[in-house]
Amino acid sequence: MNTIKSTGFLICILFIYSCTATKNYNPNKKYPAQQLQQDYSLLQNILEKKHPSLYWYTSKDSMDRYFEKYYGEIKDSMTEQQFGWSVISKNNGLSIIGYKTEVNEAKLLSPVEGISMS
């Protein structure tokens, strides 16, 4: 019973702290291009090391070109929202774009062999 009470107390404290932590957030704060490039490189490294199928629908060469292209677009300071919409959101759809291209070129078959779905 004490464990449940202490766990509940800890959750309440964390909830209250998380509510006060957002007071210092400024959505209009601009981050320097160098910091955004470091964040982008970190994202790229994490994706390359941890994503289970990063190159499933888009080749490594193509992904490298996309990474370089969008890295090069970080030329000036941006807010988090600008960075997210102008760089990360484009990069997030890469595998989906590759998937759509490959699916359109391939002949799709249903689970029942021989029945075309395209």
PDB file of N, CA and C in Angstrom:
ATOM      1  N   MET A   1       0.825  -1.193   0.000  1.00  0.00           N
ATOM      2  CA  MET A   1       0.000   0.000   0.000  1.00  0.00           C
ATOM      3  C   MET A   1       0.869   1.256   0.000  1.00  0.00           C
ATOM      4  N   ASN A   2       1.978   1.237   0.746  1.00  0.00           N
ATOM      5  CA  ASN A   2       2.884   2.381   0.777  1.00  0.00           C
ATOM      6  C   ASN A   2       3.499   2.626  -0.599  1.00  0.00           C
ATOM      7  N   THR A   3       3.763   1.557  -1.322  1.00  0.00           N
ATOM      8  CA  THR A   3       4.344   1.690  -2.649  1.00  0.00           C
ATOM      9  C   THR A   3       3.372   2.401  -3.585  1.00  0.00           C
ATOM     10  N   ILE A   4       2.107   2.080  -3.483  1.00  0.00           N
ATOM     11  CA  ILE A   4       1.099   2.716  -4.327  1.00  0.00           C
ATOM     12  C   ILE A   4       0.986   4.200  -3.986  1.00  0.00           C
ATOM     13  N   LYS A   5       0.987   4.526  -2.692  1.00  0.00           N
ATOM     14  CA  LYS A   5       0.893   5.929  -2.273  1.00  0.00           C
ATOM     15  C   LYS A   5       2.119   6.720  -2.727  1.00  0.00           C
ATOM     16  N   SER A   6       3.303   6.138  -2.564  1.00  0.00           N
ATOM     17  CA  SER A   6       4.522   6.859  -2.949  1.00  0.00           C
ATOM     18  C   SER A   6       4.608   7.012  -4.473  1.00  0.00           C
ATOM     19  N   THR A   7       4.145   6.016  -5.205  1.00  0.00           N
ATOM     20  CA  THR A   7       4.132   6.121  -6.661  1.00  0.00           C
ATOM     21  C   THR A   7       3.151   7.197  -7.103  1.00  0.00           C
ATOM     22  N   GLY A   8       1.975   7.228  -6.500  1.00  0.00           N
ATOM     23  CA  GLY A   8       0.988   8.254  -6.816  1.00  0.00           C
ATOM     24  C   GLY A   8       1.501   9.641  -6.493  1.00  0.00           C
ATOM     25  N   PHE A   9       2.179   9.781  -5.353  1.00  0.00           N
ATOM     26  CA  PHE A   9       2.757  11.060  -4.959  1.00  0.00           C
ATOM     27  C   PHE A   9       3.810  11.497  -5.971  1.00  0.00           C
ATOM     28  N   LEU A  10       4.657  10.576  -6.402  1.00  0.00           N
ATOM     29  CA  LEU A  10       5.707  10.889  -7.370  1.00  0.00           C
ATOM     30  C   LEU A  10       5.101  11.325  -8.706  1.00  0.00           C
ATOM     31  N   ILE A  11       4.052  10.663  -9.129  1.00  0.00           N
ATOM     32  CA  ILE A  11       3.380  11.039 -10.380  1.00  0.00           C
ATOM     33  C   ILE A  11       2.797  12.440 -10.270  1.00  0.00           C
ATOM     34  N   CYS A  12       2.188  12.762  -9.134  1.00  0.00           N
ATOM     35  CA  CYS A  12       1.630  14.109  -8.924  1.00  0.00           C
ATOM     36  C   CYS A  12       2.724  15.170  -8.980  1.00  0.00           C
ATOM     37  N   ILE A  13       3.849  14.907  -8.332  1.00  0.00           N
ATOM     38  CA  ILE A  13       4.974  15.860  -8.334  1.00  0.00           C
ATOM     39  C   ILE A  13       5.487  16.057  -9.762  1.00  0.00           C
ATOM     40  N   LEU A  14       5.651  14.978 -10.508  1.00  0.00           N
ATOM     41  CA  LEU A  14       6.129  15.088 -11.882  1.00  0.00           C
ATOM     42  C   LEU A  14       5.138  15.855 -12.753  1.00  0.00           C
ATOM     43  N   PHE A  15       3.855  15.632 -12.554  1.00  0.00           N
ATOM     44  CA  PHE A  15       2.836  16.342 -13.315  1.00  0.00           C
ATOM     45  C   PHE A  15       2.891  17.837 -13.023  1.00  0.00           C
ATOM     46  N   ILE A  16       2.991  18.194 -11.772  1.00  0.00           N
ATOM     47  CA  ILE A  16       3.053  19.609 -11.386  1.00  0.00           C
ATOM     48  C   ILE A  16       4.317  20.251 -11.951  1.00  0.00           C
ATOM     49  N   TYR A  17       5.444  19.550 -11.881  1.00  0.00           N
ATOM     50  CA  TYR A  17       6.693  20.078 -12.426  1.00  0.00           C
ATOM     51  C   TYR A  17       6.587  20.270 -13.932  1.00  0.00           C
ATOM     52  N   SER A  18       5.979  19.322 -14.631  1.00  0.00           N
ATOM     53  CA  SER A  18       5.875  19.437 -16.086  1.00  0.00           C
ATOM     54  C   SER A  18       5.004  20.625 -16.481  1.00  0.00           C
ATOM     55  N   CYS A  19       4.031  20.962 -15.673  1.00  0.00           N
ATOM     56  CA  CYS A  19       3.184  22.120 -15.961  1.00  0.00           C
ATOM     57  C   CYS A  19       3.960  23.421 -15.802  1.00  0.00           C
ATOM     58  N   THR A  20       4.855  23.488 -14.854  1.00  0.00           N
ATOM     59  CA  THR A  20       5.619  24.714 -14.641  1.00  0.00           C
ATOM     60  C   THR A  20       6.799  24.821 -15.588  1.00  0.00           C
ATOM     61  N   ALA A  21       7.255  23.708 -16.132  1.00  0.00           N
ATOM     62  CA  ALA A  21       8.427  23.726 -17.013  1.00  0.00           C
ATOM     63  C   ALA A  21       8.125  24.413 -18.334  1.00  0.00           C
ATOM     64  N   THR A  22       6.878  24.469 -18.750  1.00  0.00           N
ATOM     65  CA  THR A  22       6.530  25.080 -20.032  1.00  0.00           C
ATOM     66  C   THR A  22       6.407  26.599 -19.955  1.00  0.00           C
ATOM     67  N   LYS A  23       6.508  27.187 -18.785  1.00  0.00           N
ATOM     68  CA  LYS A  23       6.389  28.643 -18.652  1.00  0.00           C
ATOM     69  C   LYS A  23       7.513  29.369 -19.390  1.00  0.00           C
ATOM     70  N   ASN A  24       8.682  28.762 -19.493  1.00  0.00           N
ATOM     71  CA  ASN A  24       9.820  29.410 -20.136  1.00  0.00           C
ATOM     72  C   ASN A  24       9.868  29.161 -21.640  1.00  0.00           C
ATOM     73  N   TYR A  25       8.919  28.433 -22.171  1.00  0.00           N
ATOM     74  CA  TYR A  25       8.917  28.124 -23.602  1.00  0.00           C
ATOM     75  C   TYR A  25       8.489  29.347 -24.407  1.00  0.00           C
ATOM     76  N   ASN A  26       9.250  29.657 -25.435  1.00  0.00           N
ATOM     77  CA  ASN A  26       8.936  30.770 -26.307  1.00  0.00           C
ATOM     78  C   ASN A  26       8.885  30.241 -27.747  1.00  0.00           C
ATOM     79  N   PRO A  27       7.698  30.109 -28.335  1.00  0.00           N
ATOM     80  CA  PRO A  27       7.602  29.545 -29.684  1.00  0.00           C
ATOM     81  C   PRO A  27       8.236  30.427 -30.759  1.00  0.00           C
ATOM     82  N   ASN A  28       8.487  31.681 -30.445  1.00  0.00           N
ATOM     83  CA  ASN A  28       9.087  32.600 -31.426  1.00  0.00           C
ATOM     84  C   ASN A  28      10.601  32.681 -31.319  1.00  0.00           C
ATOM     85  N   LYS A  29      11.187  31.915 -30.413  1.00  0.00           N
ATOM     86  CA  LYS A  29      12.641  31.941 -30.260  1.00  0.00           C
ATOM     87  C   LYS A  29      13.296  31.360 -31.509  1.00  0.00           C
ATOM     88  N   LYS A  30      14.255  32.091 -32.045  1.00  0.00           N
ATOM     89  CA  LYS A  30      14.982  31.615 -33.217  1.00  0.00           C
ATOM     90  C   LYS A  30      16.291  30.974 -32.767  1.00  0.00           C
ATOM     91  N   TYR A  31      16.582  29.843 -33.384  1.00  0.00           N
ATOM     92  CA  TYR A  31      17.812  29.117 -33.088  1.00  0.00           C
ATOM     93  C   TYR A  31      18.795  29.361 -34.223  1.00  0.00           C
ATOM     94  N   PRO A  32      20.085  29.538 -33.898  1.00  0.00           N
ATOM     95  CA  PRO A  32      21.070  29.795 -34.948  1.00  0.00           C
ATOM     96  C   PRO A  32      21.185  28.604 -35.908  1.00  0.00           C
ATOM     97  N   ALA A  33      21.544  28.902 -37.151  1.00  0.00           N
ATOM     98  CA  ALA A  33      21.639  27.873 -38.187  1.00  0.00           C
ATOM     99  C   ALA A  33      22.594  26.753 -37.771  1.00  0.00           C
ATOM    100  N   GLN A  34      23.697  27.100 -37.126  1.00  0.00           N
ATOM    101  CA  GLN A  34      24.668  26.085 -36.713  1.00  0.00           C
ATOM    102  C   GLN A  34      24.034  25.086 -35.740  1.00  0.00           C
ATOM    103  N   GLN A  35      23.247  25.561 -34.805  1.00  0.00           N
ATOM    104  CA  GLN A  35      22.587  24.666 -33.844  1.00  0.00           C
ATOM    105  C   GLN A  35      21.551  23.783 -34.546  1.00  0.00           C
ATOM    106  N   LEU A  36      20.816  24.357 -35.486  1.00  0.00           N
ATOM    107  CA  LEU A  36      19.829  23.588 -36.235  1.00  0.00           C
ATOM    108  C   LEU A  36      20.516  22.524 -37.090  1.00  0.00           C
ATOM    109  N   GLN A  37      21.658  22.863 -37.657  1.00  0.00           N
ATOM    110  CA  GLN A  37      22.408  21.878 -38.441  1.00  0.00           C
ATOM    111  C   GLN A  37      22.900  20.737 -37.551  1.00  0.00           C
ATOM    112  N   GLN A  38      23.322  21.061 -36.337  1.00  0.00           N
ATOM    113  CA  GLN A  38      23.734  20.014 -35.404  1.00  0.00           C
ATOM    114  C   GLN A  38      22.558  19.117 -35.039  1.00  0.00           C
ATOM    115  N   ASP A  39      21.394  19.717 -34.803  1.00  0.00           N
ATOM    116  CA  ASP A  39      20.196  18.938 -34.496  1.00  0.00           C
ATOM    117  C   ASP A  39      19.817  18.046 -35.674  1.00  0.00           C
ATOM    118  N   TYR A  40      19.916  18.596 -36.874  1.00  0.00           N
ATOM    119  CA  TYR A  40      19.580  17.829 -38.073  1.00  0.00           C
ATOM    120  C   TYR A  40      20.547  16.655 -38.247  1.00  0.00           C
ATOM    121  N   SER A  41      21.822  16.908 -38.014  1.00  0.00           N
ATOM    122  CA  SER A  41      22.818  15.825 -38.112  1.00  0.00           C
ATOM    123  C   SER A  41      22.551  14.751 -37.064  1.00  0.00           C
ATOM    124  N   LEU A  42      22.153  15.165 -35.875  1.00  0.00           N
ATOM    125  CA  LEU A  42      21.806  14.205 -34.831  1.00  0.00           C
ATOM    126  C   LEU A  42      20.615  13.354 -35.267  1.00  0.00           C
ATOM    127  N   LEU A  43      19.592  13.993 -35.825  1.00  0.00           N
ATOM    128  CA  LEU A  43      18.431  13.267 -36.330  1.00  0.00           C
ATOM    129  C   LEU A  43      18.858  12.260 -37.403  1.00  0.00           C
ATOM    130  N   GLN A  44      19.695  12.691 -38.321  1.00  0.00           N
ATOM    131  CA  GLN A  44      20.161  11.801 -39.379  1.00  0.00           C
ATOM    132  C   GLN A  44      20.913  10.603 -38.797  1.00  0.00           C
ATOM    133  N   ASN A  45      21.794  10.858 -37.852  1.00  0.00           N
ATOM    134  CA  ASN A  45      22.559   9.766 -37.231  1.00  0.00           C
ATOM    135  C   ASN A  45      21.651   8.785 -36.505  1.00  0.00           C
ATOM    136  N   ILE A  46      20.673   9.300 -35.792  1.00  0.00           N
ATOM    137  CA  ILE A  46      19.742   8.425 -35.072  1.00  0.00           C
ATOM    138  C   ILE A  46      18.947   7.582 -36.064  1.00  0.00           C
ATOM    139  N   LEU A  47      18.446   8.208 -37.122  1.00  0.00           N
ATOM    140  CA  LEU A  47      17.683   7.463 -38.124  1.00  0.00           C
ATOM    141  C   LEU A  47      18.543   6.369 -38.759  1.00  0.00           C
ATOM    142  N   GLU A  48      19.773   6.706 -39.107  1.00  0.00           N
ATOM    143  CA  GLU A  48      20.642   5.730 -39.767  1.00  0.00           C
ATOM    144  C   GLU A  48      21.013   4.571 -38.845  1.00  0.00           C
ATOM    145  N   LYS A  49      21.144   4.836 -37.566  1.00  0.00           N
ATOM    146  CA  LYS A  49      21.548   3.776 -36.631  1.00  0.00           C
ATOM    147  C   LYS A  49      20.380   2.993 -36.061  1.00  0.00           C
ATOM    148  N   LYS A  50      19.237   3.635 -35.866  1.00  0.00           N
ATOM    149  CA  LYS A  50      18.143   3.003 -35.116  1.00  0.00           C
ATOM    150  C   LYS A  50      16.909   2.641 -35.936  1.00  0.00           C
ATOM    151  N   HIS A  51      16.714   3.264 -37.088  1.00  0.00           N
ATOM    152  CA  HIS A  51      15.507   2.987 -37.869  1.00  0.00           C
ATOM    153  C   HIS A  51      15.601   1.568 -38.433  1.00  0.00           C
ATOM    154  N   PRO A  52      14.587   0.749 -38.201  1.00  0.00           N
ATOM    155  CA  PRO A  52      14.679  -0.657 -38.613  1.00  0.00           C
ATOM    156  C   PRO A  52      14.662  -0.867 -40.124  1.00  0.00           C
ATOM    157  N   SER A  53      14.092   0.049 -40.878  1.00  0.00           N
ATOM    158  CA  SER A  53      14.031  -0.159 -42.329  1.00  0.00           C
ATOM    159  C   SER A  53      14.092   1.175 -43.071  1.00  0.00           C
ATOM    160  N   LEU A  54      15.097   1.955 -42.764  1.00  0.00           N
ATOM    161  CA  LEU A  54      15.233   3.282 -43.364  1.00  0.00           C
ATOM    162  C   LEU A  54      15.365   3.216 -44.884  1.00  0.00           C
ATOM    163  N   TYR A  55      16.037   2.193 -45.377  1.00  0.00           N
ATOM    164  CA  TYR A  55      16.295   2.087 -46.818  1.00  0.00           C
ATOM    165  C   TYR A  55      15.385   1.045 -47.476  1.00  0.00           C
ATOM    166  N   TRP A  56      14.272   0.769 -46.870  1.00  0.00           N
ATOM    167  CA  TRP A  56      13.368  -0.253 -47.401  1.00  0.00           C
ATOM    168  C   TRP A  56      12.798   0.167 -48.760  1.00  0.00           C
ATOM    169  N   TYR A  57      12.339   1.398 -48.847  1.00  0.00           N
ATOM    170  CA  TYR A  57      11.718   1.871 -50.076  1.00  0.00           C
ATOM    171  C   TYR A  57      12.544   2.928 -50.809  1.00  0.00           C
ATOM    172  N   THR A  58      13.530   3.477 -50.136  1.00  0.00           N
ATOM    173  CA  THR A  58      14.381   4.496 -50.733  1.00  0.00           C
ATOM    174  C   THR A  58      15.824   4.074 -50.523  1.00  0.00           C
ATOM    175  N   SER A  59      16.595   4.056 -51.591  1.00  0.00           N
ATOM    176  CA  SER A  59      17.985   3.573 -51.502  1.00  0.00           C
ATOM    177  C   SER A  59      18.827   4.482 -50.611  1.00  0.00           C
ATOM    178  N   LYS A  60      19.934   3.952 -50.136  1.00  0.00           N
ATOM    179  CA  LYS A  60      20.842   4.720 -49.282  1.00  0.00           C
ATOM    180  C   LYS A  60      21.374   5.932 -50.039  1.00  0.00           C
ATOM    181  N   ASP A  61      21.724   5.747 -51.313  1.00  0.00           N
ATOM    182  CA  ASP A  61      22.224   6.876 -52.106  1.00  0.00           C
ATOM    183  C   ASP A  61      21.188   8.000 -52.196  1.00  0.00           C
ATOM    184  N   SER A  62      19.930   7.630 -52.434  1.00  0.00           N
ATOM    185  CA  SER A  62      18.869   8.637 -52.511  1.00  0.00           C
ATOM    186  C   SER A  62      18.669   9.318 -51.166  1.00  0.00           C
ATOM    187  N   MET A  63      18.661   8.530 -50.097  1.00  0.00           N
ATOM    188  CA  MET A  63      18.487   9.116 -48.759  1.00  0.00           C
ATOM    189  C   MET A  63      19.632  10.070 -48.441  1.00  0.00           C
ATOM    190  N   ASP A  64      20.854   9.684 -48.792  1.00  0.00           N
ATOM    191  CA  ASP A  64      21.999  10.561 -48.544  1.00  0.00           C
ATOM    192  C   ASP A  64      21.848  11.875 -49.301  1.00  0.00           C
ATOM    193  N   ARG A  65      21.367  11.798 -50.541  1.00  0.00           N
ATOM    194  CA  ARG A  65      21.145  13.037 -51.311  1.00  0.00           C
ATOM    195  C   ARG A  65      20.081  13.911 -50.651  1.00  0.00           C
ATOM    196  N   TYR A  66      18.990  13.272 -50.173  1.00  0.00           N
ATOM    197  CA  TYR A  66      17.944  14.040 -49.490  1.00  0.00           C
ATOM    198  C   TYR A  66      18.480  14.660 -48.207  1.00  0.00           C
ATOM    199  N   PHE A  67      19.237  13.897 -47.433  1.00  0.00           N
ATOM    200  CA  PHE A  67      19.810  14.440 -46.201  1.00  0.00           C
ATOM    201  C   PHE A  67      20.692  15.646 -46.510  1.00  0.00           C
ATOM    202  N   GLU A  68      21.534  15.527 -47.520  1.00  0.00           N
ATOM    203  CA  GLU A  68      22.420  16.638 -47.894  1.00  0.00           C
ATOM    204  C   GLU A  68      21.619  17.846 -48.383  1.00  0.00           C
ATOM    205  N   LYS A  69      20.596  17.586 -49.181  1.00  0.00           N
ATOM    206  CA  LYS A  69      19.776  18.673 -49.717  1.00  0.00           C
ATOM    207  C   LYS A  69      19.124  19.478 -48.602  1.00  0.00           C
ATOM    208  N   TYR A  70      18.484  18.795 -47.678  1.00  0.00           N
ATOM    209  CA  TYR A  70      17.763  19.505 -46.625  1.00  0.00           C
ATOM    210  C   TYR A  70      18.711  20.092 -45.583  1.00  0.00           C
ATOM    211  N   TYR A  71      19.856  19.480 -45.399  1.00  0.00           N
ATOM    212  CA  TYR A  71      20.878  20.072 -44.532  1.00  0.00           C
ATOM    213  C   TYR A  71      21.318  21.409 -45.132  1.00  0.00           C
ATOM    214  N   GLY A  72      21.490  21.422 -46.452  1.00  0.00           N
ATOM    215  CA  GLY A  72      21.906  22.640 -47.143  1.00  0.00           C
ATOM    216  C   GLY A  72      20.868  23.753 -47.099  1.00  0.00           C
ATOM    217  N   GLU A  73      19.616  23.402 -46.855  1.00  0.00           N
ATOM    218  CA  GLU A  73      18.558  24.417 -46.768  1.00  0.00           C
ATOM    219  C   GLU A  73      18.565  25.161 -45.437  1.00  0.00           C
ATOM    220  N   ILE A  74      19.347  24.694 -44.497  1.00  0.00           N
ATOM    221  CA  ILE A  74      19.447  25.378 -43.198  1.00  0.00           C
ATOM    222  C   ILE A  74      20.538  26.432 -43.336  1.00  0.00           C
ATOM    223  N   LYS A  75      20.145  27.624 -43.745  1.00  0.00           N
ATOM    224  CA  LYS A  75      21.116  28.696 -43.990  1.00  0.00           C
ATOM    225  C   LYS A  75      20.984  29.851 -43.013  1.00  0.00           C
ATOM    226  N   ASP A  76      19.835  29.931 -42.348  1.00  0.00           N
ATOM    227  CA  ASP A  76      19.570  31.060 -41.469  1.00  0.00           C
ATOM    228  C   ASP A  76      18.895  30.550 -40.206  1.00  0.00           C
ATOM    229  N   SER A  77      18.810  31.401 -39.205  1.00  0.00           N
ATOM    230  CA  SER A  77      18.145  31.003 -37.970  1.00  0.00           C
ATOM    231  C   SER A  77      16.664  30.782 -38.226  1.00  0.00           C
ATOM    232  N   MET A  78      16.061  29.887 -37.429  1.00  0.00           N
ATOM    233  CA  MET A  78      14.640  29.561 -37.571  1.00  0.00           C
ATOM    234  C   MET A  78      14.051  29.265 -36.206  1.00  0.00           C
ATOM    235  N   THR A  79      12.729  29.389 -36.138  1.00  0.00           N
ATOM    236  CA  THR A  79      12.026  28.938 -34.935  1.00  0.00           C
ATOM    237  C   THR A  79      11.857  27.421 -35.040  1.00  0.00           C
ATOM    238  N   GLU A  80      11.414  26.802 -33.949  1.00  0.00           N
ATOM    239  CA  GLU A  80      11.175  25.359 -33.984  1.00  0.00           C
ATOM    240  C   GLU A  80      10.149  25.006 -35.047  1.00  0.00           C
ATOM    241  N   GLN A  81       9.096  25.812 -35.140  1.00  0.00           N
ATOM    242  CA  GLN A  81       8.048  25.528 -36.105  1.00  0.00           C
ATOM    243  C   GLN A  81       8.560  25.653 -37.538  1.00  0.00           C
ATOM    244  N   GLN A  82       9.320  26.695 -37.813  1.00  0.00           N
ATOM    245  CA  GLN A  82       9.876  26.857 -39.151  1.00  0.00           C
ATOM    246  C   GLN A  82      10.800  25.702 -39.507  1.00  0.00           C
ATOM    247  N   PHE A  83      11.625  25.305 -38.557  1.00  0.00           N
ATOM    248  CA  PHE A  83      12.552  24.191 -38.768  1.00  0.00           C
ATOM    249  C   PHE A  83      11.770  22.907 -39.026  1.00  0.00           C
ATOM    250  N   GLY A  84      10.735  22.691 -38.231  1.00  0.00           N
ATOM    251  CA  GLY A  84       9.929  21.483 -38.393  1.00  0.00           C
ATOM    252  C   GLY A  84       9.233  21.423 -39.736  1.00  0.00           C
ATOM    253  N   TRP A  85       8.648  22.547 -40.165  1.00  0.00           N
ATOM    254  CA  TRP A  85       7.893  22.543 -41.417  1.00  0.00           C
ATOM    255  C   TRP A  85       8.781  22.603 -42.635  1.00  0.00           C
ATOM    256  N   SER A  86       9.859  23.360 -42.574  1.00  0.00           N
ATOM    257  CA  SER A  86      10.656  23.546 -43.788  1.00  0.00           C
ATOM    258  C   SER A  86      11.703  22.463 -44.002  1.00  0.00           C
ATOM    259  N   VAL A  87      12.135  21.792 -42.938  1.00  0.00           N
ATOM    260  CA  VAL A  87      13.207  20.809 -43.100  1.00  0.00           C
ATOM    261  C   VAL A  87      12.773  19.412 -42.677  1.00  0.00           C
ATOM    262  N   ILE A  88      12.345  19.261 -41.451  1.00  0.00           N
ATOM    263  CA  ILE A  88      12.073  17.927 -40.922  1.00  0.00           C
ATOM    264  C   ILE A  88      10.845  17.310 -41.567  1.00  0.00           C
ATOM    265  N   SER A  89       9.792  18.074 -41.793  1.00  0.00           N
ATOM    266  CA  SER A  89       8.583  17.479 -42.375  1.00  0.00           C
ATOM    267  C   SER A  89       8.848  16.986 -43.787  1.00  0.00           C
ATOM    268  N   LYS A  90       9.700  17.652 -44.528  1.00  0.00           N
ATOM    269  CA  LYS A  90      10.048  17.187 -45.871  1.00  0.00           C
ATOM    270  C   LYS A  90      10.815  15.874 -45.785  1.00  0.00           C
ATOM    271  N   ASN A  91      11.729  15.820 -44.849  1.00  0.00           N
ATOM    272  CA  ASN A  91      12.559  14.636 -44.695  1.00  0.00           C
ATOM    273  C   ASN A  91      11.752  13.454 -44.181  1.00  0.00           C
ATOM    274  N   ASN A  92      10.738  13.708 -43.388  1.00  0.00           N
ATOM    275  CA  ASN A  92       9.926  12.647 -42.804  1.00  0.00           C
ATOM    276  C   ASN A  92       9.153  11.884 -43.867  1.00  0.00           C
ATOM    277  N   GLY A  93       8.800  12.528 -44.970  1.00  0.00           N
ATOM    278  CA  GLY A  93       8.014  11.877 -45.998  1.00  0.00           C
ATOM    279  C   GLY A  93       8.827  11.153 -47.050  1.00  0.00           C
ATOM    280  N   LEU A  94      10.135  11.128 -46.906  1.00  0.00           N
ATOM    281  CA  LEU A  94      10.966  10.543 -47.946  1.00  0.00           C
ATOM    282  C   LEU A  94      10.648   9.087 -48.219  1.00  0.00           C
ATOM    283  N   SER A  95      10.563   8.294 -47.186  1.00  0.00           N
ATOM    284  CA  SER A  95      10.305   6.877 -47.417  1.00  0.00           C
ATOM    285  C   SER A  95       8.904   6.666 -47.966  1.00  0.00           C
ATOM    286  N   ILE A  96       7.974   7.542 -47.608  1.00  0.00           N
ATOM    287  CA  ILE A  96       6.616   7.432 -48.138  1.00  0.00           C
ATOM    288  C   ILE A  96       6.616   7.773 -49.623  1.00  0.00           C
ATOM    289  N   ILE A  97       7.370   8.802 -50.017  1.00  0.00           N
ATOM    290  CA  ILE A  97       7.452   9.170 -51.430  1.00  0.00           C
ATOM    291  C   ILE A  97       8.042   8.023 -52.227  1.00  0.00           C
ATOM    292  N   GLY A  98       9.128   7.446 -51.730  1.00  0.00           N
ATOM    293  CA  GLY A  98       9.745   6.311 -52.404  1.00  0.00           C
ATOM    294  C   GLY A  98       8.796   5.137 -52.480  1.00  0.00           C
ATOM    295  N   TYR A  99       8.037   4.916 -51.430  1.00  0.00           N
ATOM    296  CA  TYR A  99       7.089   3.813 -51.398  1.00  0.00           C
ATOM    297  C   TYR A  99       6.033   3.996 -52.478  1.00  0.00           C
ATOM    298  N   LYS A 100       5.476   5.193 -52.575  1.00  0.00           N
ATOM    299  CA  LYS A 100       4.433   5.435 -53.562  1.00  0.00           C
ATOM    300  C   LYS A 100       4.974   5.224 -54.971  1.00  0.00           C
ATOM    301  N   THR A 101       6.186   5.678 -55.238  1.00  0.00           N
ATOM    302  CA  THR A 101       6.777   5.514 -56.560  1.00  0.00           C
ATOM    303  C   THR A 101       6.946   4.040 -56.888  1.00  0.00           C
ATOM    304  N   GLU A 102       7.498   3.271 -55.948  1.00  0.00           N
ATOM    305  CA  GLU A 102       7.729   1.863 -56.209  1.00  0.00           C
ATOM    306  C   GLU A 102       6.425   1.088 -56.317  1.00  0.00           C
ATOM    307  N   VAL A 103       5.437   1.445 -55.532  1.00  0.00           N
ATOM    308  CA  VAL A 103       4.155   0.753 -55.593  1.00  0.00           C
ATOM    309  C   VAL A 103       3.485   1.029 -56.928  1.00  0.00           C
ATOM    310  N   ASN A 104       3.559   2.257 -57.408  1.00  0.00           N
ATOM    311  CA  ASN A 104       2.930   2.584 -58.687  1.00  0.00           C
ATOM    312  C   ASN A 104       3.592   1.851 -59.841  1.00  0.00           C
ATOM    313  N   GLU A 105       4.891   1.573 -59.725  1.00  0.00           N
ATOM    314  CA  GLU A 105       5.599   0.884 -60.790  1.00  0.00           C
ATOM    315  C   GLU A 105       5.433  -0.628 -60.715  1.00  0.00           C
ATOM    316  N   ALA A 106       5.102  -1.138 -59.547  1.00  0.00           N
ATOM    317  CA  ALA A 106       4.995  -2.580 -59.373  1.00  0.00           C
ATOM    318  C   ALA A 106       3.576  -3.049 -59.647  1.00  0.00           C
ATOM    319  N   LYS A 107       3.469  -4.316 -60.021  1.00  0.00           N
ATOM    320  CA  LYS A 107       2.150  -4.911 -60.178  1.00  0.00           C
ATOM    321  C   LYS A 107       1.781  -5.503 -58.831  1.00  0.00           C
ATOM    322  N   LEU A 108       0.699  -5.009 -58.258  1.00  0.00           N
ATOM    323  CA  LEU A 108       0.298  -5.452 -56.936  1.00  0.00           C
ATOM    324  C   LEU A 108      -0.574  -6.697 -57.035  1.00  0.00           C
ATOM    325  N   LEU A 109      -0.319  -7.634 -56.170  1.00  0.00           N
ATOM    326  CA  LEU A 109      -1.140  -8.837 -56.099  1.00  0.00           C
ATOM    327  C   LEU A 109      -1.773  -8.922 -54.730  1.00  0.00           C
ATOM    328  N   SER A 110      -2.963  -9.419 -54.693  1.00  0.00           N
ATOM    329  CA  SER A 110      -3.641  -9.599 -53.419  1.00  0.00           C
ATOM    330  C   SER A 110      -3.070 -10.823 -52.722  1.00  0.00           C
ATOM    331  N   PRO A 111      -3.421 -11.033 -51.431  1.00  0.00           N
ATOM    332  CA  PRO A 111      -2.960 -12.229 -50.730  1.00  0.00           C
ATOM    333  C   PRO A 111      -3.378 -13.517 -51.426  1.00  0.00           C
ATOM    334  N   VAL A 112      -4.472 -13.440 -52.184  1.00  0.00           N
ATOM    335  CA  VAL A 112      -4.877 -14.603 -52.986  1.00  0.00           C
ATOM    336  C   VAL A 112      -4.138 -14.499 -54.287  1.00  0.00           C
ATOM    337  N   GLU A 113      -3.172 -15.361 -54.497  1.00  0.00           N
ATOM    338  CA  GLU A 113      -2.269 -15.266 -55.634  1.00  0.00           C
ATOM    339  C   GLU A 113      -3.017 -15.232 -56.962  1.00  0.00           C
ATOM    340  N   GLY A 114      -2.571 -14.309 -57.820  1.00  0.00           N
ATOM    341  CA  GLY A 114      -3.134 -14.236 -59.156  1.00  0.00           C
ATOM    342  C   GLY A 114      -4.240 -13.205 -59.306  1.00  0.00           C
ATOM    343  N   ILE A 115      -4.741 -12.638 -58.234  1.00  0.00           N
ATOM    344  CA  ILE A 115      -5.780 -11.619 -58.332  1.00  0.00           C
ATOM    345  C   ILE A 115      -5.125 -10.261 -58.251  1.00  0.00           C
ATOM    346  N   SER A 116      -5.141  -9.521 -59.340  1.00  0.00           N
ATOM    347  CA  SER A 116      -4.481  -8.228 -59.394  1.00  0.00           C
ATOM    348  C   SER A 116      -5.265  -7.187 -58.615  1.00  0.00           C
ATOM    349  N   MET A 117      -4.525  -6.320 -57.892  1.00  0.00           N
ATOM    350  CA  MET A 117      -5.181  -5.262 -57.121  1.00  0.00           C
ATOM    351  C   MET A 117      -4.979  -3.909 -57.776  1.00  0.00           C
ATOM    352  N   SER A 118      -4.266  -3.830 -58.899  1.00  0.00           N
ATOM    353  CA  SER A 118      -4.026  -2.528 -59.522  1.00  0.00           C
ATOM    354  C   SER A 118      -4.902  -2.303 -60.723  1.00  0.00           C
TER     355      SER A 118
END
